[in-house]
N, C-alpha and C. Protein backbone atom coordinates (compact mmCIF):
# COMPACT_ATOMS: atom_id res chain seq x y z
N UNK A 1 16.92 -4.27 -28.06
CA UNK A 1 16.22 -4.35 -26.98
C UNK A 1 14.74 -5.68 -28.67
N UNK A 2 13.94 -6.35 -27.47
CA UNK A 2 13.57 -6.75 -28.70
C UNK A 2 12.74 -6.89 -29.66
N UNK A 3 11.28 -5.64 -29.21
CA UNK A 3 11.13 -4.77 -30.12
C UNK A 3 11.32 -3.42 -30.87
N UNK A 4 10.29 -3.15 -31.84
CA UNK A 4 10.71 -1.36 -32.20
C UNK A 4 10.55 -0.95 -31.26
N UNK A 5 8.82 -1.24 -30.08
CA UNK A 5 7.51 -0.48 -29.78
C UNK A 5 7.91 -1.34 -28.80
N UNK A 6 6.98 -0.38 -27.29
CA UNK A 6 6.85 -0.89 -26.14
C UNK A 6 4.58 -1.13 -26.65
N UNK A 7 4.91 -0.98 -27.28
CA UNK A 7 3.48 -1.01 -27.71
C UNK A 7 3.68 -2.47 -28.58
N UNK A 8 4.37 -2.82 -29.75
CA UNK A 8 4.39 -4.05 -30.11
C UNK A 8 4.41 -5.34 -29.03
N UNK A 9 5.98 -4.84 -27.88
CA UNK A 9 5.69 -5.73 -27.63
C UNK A 9 4.10 -6.15 -26.58
N UNK A 10 4.17 -4.62 -25.86
CA UNK A 10 2.67 -5.66 -25.04
C UNK A 10 1.43 -6.16 -26.59
N UNK A 11 1.68 -5.31 -27.97
CA UNK A 11 0.51 -6.39 -28.56
C UNK A 11 0.91 -8.28 -28.47
N UNK A 12 2.21 -8.33 -28.08
CA UNK A 12 2.61 -10.16 -28.49
C UNK A 12 3.21 -10.47 -27.38
N UNK A 13 3.30 -10.37 -26.66
CA UNK A 13 3.48 -11.12 -25.69
C UNK A 13 1.80 -11.08 -24.17
N UNK A 14 1.08 -10.13 -24.27
CA UNK A 14 -0.32 -10.01 -23.07
C UNK A 14 -0.99 -10.89 -23.78
N UNK A 15 -1.62 -11.13 -25.30
CA UNK A 15 -2.23 -12.30 -25.24
C UNK A 15 -2.20 -13.93 -25.68
N UNK A 16 -2.82 -14.55 -25.66
CA UNK A 16 -2.29 -15.41 -26.51
C UNK A 16 -2.04 -15.66 -27.68
N UNK A 17 -0.90 -16.69 -28.45
CA UNK A 17 -0.70 -16.29 -29.93
C UNK A 17 -1.89 -16.82 -30.91
N UNK A 18 -2.01 -18.07 -30.73
CA UNK A 18 -3.42 -17.83 -31.10
C UNK A 18 -4.82 -17.32 -30.79
N UNK A 19 -4.36 -16.41 -30.30
CA UNK A 19 -5.98 -16.89 -29.51
C UNK A 19 -7.20 -16.96 -28.54
N UNK A 20 -6.29 -18.29 -28.22
CA UNK A 20 -6.84 -18.57 -26.85
C UNK A 20 -5.69 -19.37 -27.03
N UNK A 21 -5.47 -19.82 -25.53
CA UNK A 21 -3.96 -20.41 -24.56
C UNK A 21 -4.19 -21.02 -24.73
N UNK A 22 -2.88 -21.86 -24.53
CA UNK A 22 -2.57 -23.48 -24.40
C UNK A 22 -1.81 -23.77 -23.71
N UNK A 23 -2.09 -24.80 -23.27
CA UNK A 23 -0.98 -25.69 -22.30
C UNK A 23 -0.29 -24.70 -20.72
N UNK A 24 -2.09 -24.55 -20.38
CA UNK A 24 -2.20 -24.32 -18.87
C UNK A 24 -2.27 -23.01 -18.83
N UNK A 25 -2.11 -22.24 -19.33
CA UNK A 25 -1.98 -20.16 -19.53
C UNK A 25 -2.45 -20.10 -19.49
N UNK A 26 -2.58 -19.10 -18.29
CA UNK A 26 -3.86 -17.80 -18.51
C UNK A 26 -2.87 -16.09 -18.13
N UNK A 27 -3.58 -15.37 -19.50
CA UNK A 27 -3.14 -13.45 -19.91
C UNK A 27 -4.27 -12.66 -19.28
N UNK A 28 -3.44 -11.79 -17.85
CA UNK A 28 -4.04 -10.54 -17.11
C UNK A 28 -4.27 -9.86 -18.45
N UNK A 29 -4.68 -9.07 -18.40
CA UNK A 29 -5.91 -7.18 -18.60
C UNK A 29 -4.37 -6.99 -18.11
N UNK A 30 -3.99 -5.35 -19.42
CA UNK A 30 -2.52 -4.99 -19.30
C UNK A 30 -2.96 -3.40 -19.28
N UNK A 31 -2.53 -3.30 -17.30
CA UNK A 31 -2.99 -2.16 -16.78
C UNK A 31 -1.71 -1.30 -16.73
N UNK A 32 -2.50 0.43 -16.76
CA UNK A 32 -1.12 1.42 -15.88
C UNK A 32 -1.49 1.55 -14.76
N UNK A 33 -0.09 1.52 -14.41
CA UNK A 33 -0.22 1.48 -12.87
C UNK A 33 1.47 1.63 -11.94
N UNK A 34 1.37 1.51 -11.23
CA UNK A 34 3.07 3.53 -10.85
C UNK A 34 3.43 2.07 -10.05
N UNK A 35 4.36 1.21 -10.47
CA UNK A 35 6.16 0.94 -10.38
C UNK A 35 6.93 2.12 -9.16
N UNK A 36 7.14 2.20 -7.91
CA UNK A 36 7.99 2.56 -7.01
C UNK A 36 7.54 4.44 -8.26
N UNK A 37 8.27 4.99 -8.49
CA UNK A 37 7.73 6.10 -8.73
C UNK A 37 7.42 6.91 -9.87
N UNK A 38 7.31 5.98 -10.64
CA UNK A 38 7.86 6.05 -12.62
C UNK A 38 5.82 5.17 -12.56
N UNK A 39 5.22 5.92 -13.87
CA UNK A 39 4.73 5.19 -14.27
C UNK A 39 4.15 4.16 -15.44
N UNK A 40 3.80 2.77 -15.08
CA UNK A 40 4.46 1.63 -15.88
C UNK A 40 2.44 0.54 -16.92
N UNK A 41 2.98 0.25 -17.63
CA UNK A 41 2.23 -0.99 -18.04
C UNK A 41 2.79 -2.08 -17.26
N UNK A 42 1.62 -2.64 -16.97
CA UNK A 42 1.74 -4.16 -15.99
C UNK A 42 0.72 -4.36 -16.86
N UNK A 43 1.42 -5.52 -16.89
CA UNK A 43 0.91 -7.75 -17.23
C UNK A 43 0.77 -8.73 -16.92
N UNK A 44 -0.39 -9.70 -16.46
CA UNK A 44 0.76 -11.20 -16.06
C UNK A 44 0.51 -12.25 -17.10
N UNK A 45 1.52 -13.65 -16.85
CA UNK A 45 0.66 -14.44 -17.41
C UNK A 45 1.04 -15.05 -16.21
N UNK A 46 0.33 -16.50 -15.56
CA UNK A 46 -0.06 -16.99 -14.83
C UNK A 46 0.12 -18.36 -16.14
N UNK A 47 1.59 -19.35 -14.47
CA UNK A 47 1.98 -21.00 -16.38
C UNK A 47 1.55 -22.35 -15.42
N UNK A 48 0.94 -22.68 -14.99
CA UNK A 48 1.21 -24.15 -14.83
C UNK A 48 1.58 -25.39 -14.43
N UNK A 49 2.18 -25.63 -14.39
CA UNK A 49 3.23 -27.07 -15.38
C UNK A 49 3.07 -27.98 -14.33
N UNK A 50 3.36 -29.17 -15.46
CA UNK A 50 2.68 -30.45 -14.27
C UNK A 50 4.52 -31.34 -14.14
N UNK A 51 4.07 -31.23 -12.88
CA UNK A 51 5.80 -32.19 -13.05
C UNK A 51 5.58 -34.06 -12.36
N UNK A 52 5.62 -34.91 -12.65
CA UNK A 52 6.30 -35.12 -14.39
C UNK A 52 4.73 -35.91 -14.68
N UNK A 53 5.76 -34.70 -16.49
CA UNK A 53 4.61 -34.51 -17.21
C UNK A 53 4.35 -35.90 -17.40
N UNK A 54 4.63 -37.25 -17.88
CA UNK A 54 4.42 -38.16 -18.43
C UNK A 54 3.85 -39.31 -17.30
N UNK A 55 3.77 -38.59 -15.68
CA UNK A 55 2.24 -39.14 -15.20
C UNK A 55 1.64 -39.37 -16.01
N UNK A 56 0.43 -40.08 -14.37
CA UNK A 56 -0.94 -40.09 -15.05
C UNK A 56 -1.35 -39.35 -14.04
N UNK A 57 -0.79 -39.28 -12.67
CA UNK A 57 -1.85 -38.32 -12.21
C UNK A 57 -0.16 -37.15 -11.48
N UNK A 58 0.00 -35.91 -12.16
CA UNK A 58 0.92 -35.50 -12.05
C UNK A 58 0.63 -34.18 -11.16
N UNK A 59 1.58 -33.86 -10.76
CA UNK A 59 0.97 -32.74 -9.65
C UNK A 59 1.51 -30.98 -10.34
N UNK A 60 0.38 -30.84 -9.61
CA UNK A 60 0.14 -29.05 -10.89
C UNK A 60 1.29 -27.66 -9.77
N UNK A 61 2.06 -26.97 -10.92
CA UNK A 61 2.94 -25.94 -10.58
C UNK A 61 2.18 -24.22 -10.76
N UNK A 62 1.93 -23.94 -10.25
CA UNK A 62 1.44 -22.68 -10.65
C UNK A 62 2.84 -21.51 -10.46
N UNK A 63 3.10 -20.84 -10.87
CA UNK A 63 4.12 -19.51 -11.14
C UNK A 63 3.17 -18.41 -12.41
N UNK A 64 3.74 -17.38 -11.92
CA UNK A 64 2.80 -15.87 -12.59
C UNK A 64 4.86 -14.76 -12.39
N UNK A 65 4.43 -14.86 -14.49
CA UNK A 65 5.67 -14.03 -14.73
C UNK A 65 4.45 -12.75 -14.91
N UNK A 66 5.44 -11.49 -14.54
CA UNK A 66 4.97 -9.91 -14.10
C UNK A 66 5.81 -9.41 -15.30
N UNK A 67 5.15 -8.76 -15.54
CA UNK A 67 6.08 -7.20 -16.78
C UNK A 67 5.14 -6.29 -16.63
N UNK A 68 6.39 -5.07 -16.53
CA UNK A 68 6.39 -3.92 -16.10
C UNK A 68 7.31 -3.07 -17.37
N UNK A 69 6.52 -2.04 -18.71
CA UNK A 69 7.40 -1.08 -19.13
C UNK A 69 7.11 -0.40 -18.52
N UNK A 70 8.04 0.38 -18.68
CA UNK A 70 7.87 2.05 -17.68
C UNK A 70 8.34 2.54 -19.17
N UNK A 71 7.40 4.43 -19.09
CA UNK A 71 7.88 5.48 -19.83
C UNK A 71 8.98 6.11 -19.55
């Protein structure tokens, strides 16, 4: 396990580290949800990659990371 408690994991990974989202990232709120038949805390992080990064007009590719913590 990466962190000792689920609350510590959520506190560190559900918000930007420096208080402001950098590098084209957006953070969603932490919600209580039902995944299958299990209760979980769910949050998402949306990230935008620019390909190629050194180009004058790079293409923007969004992808989403979803996190689910089961109790």
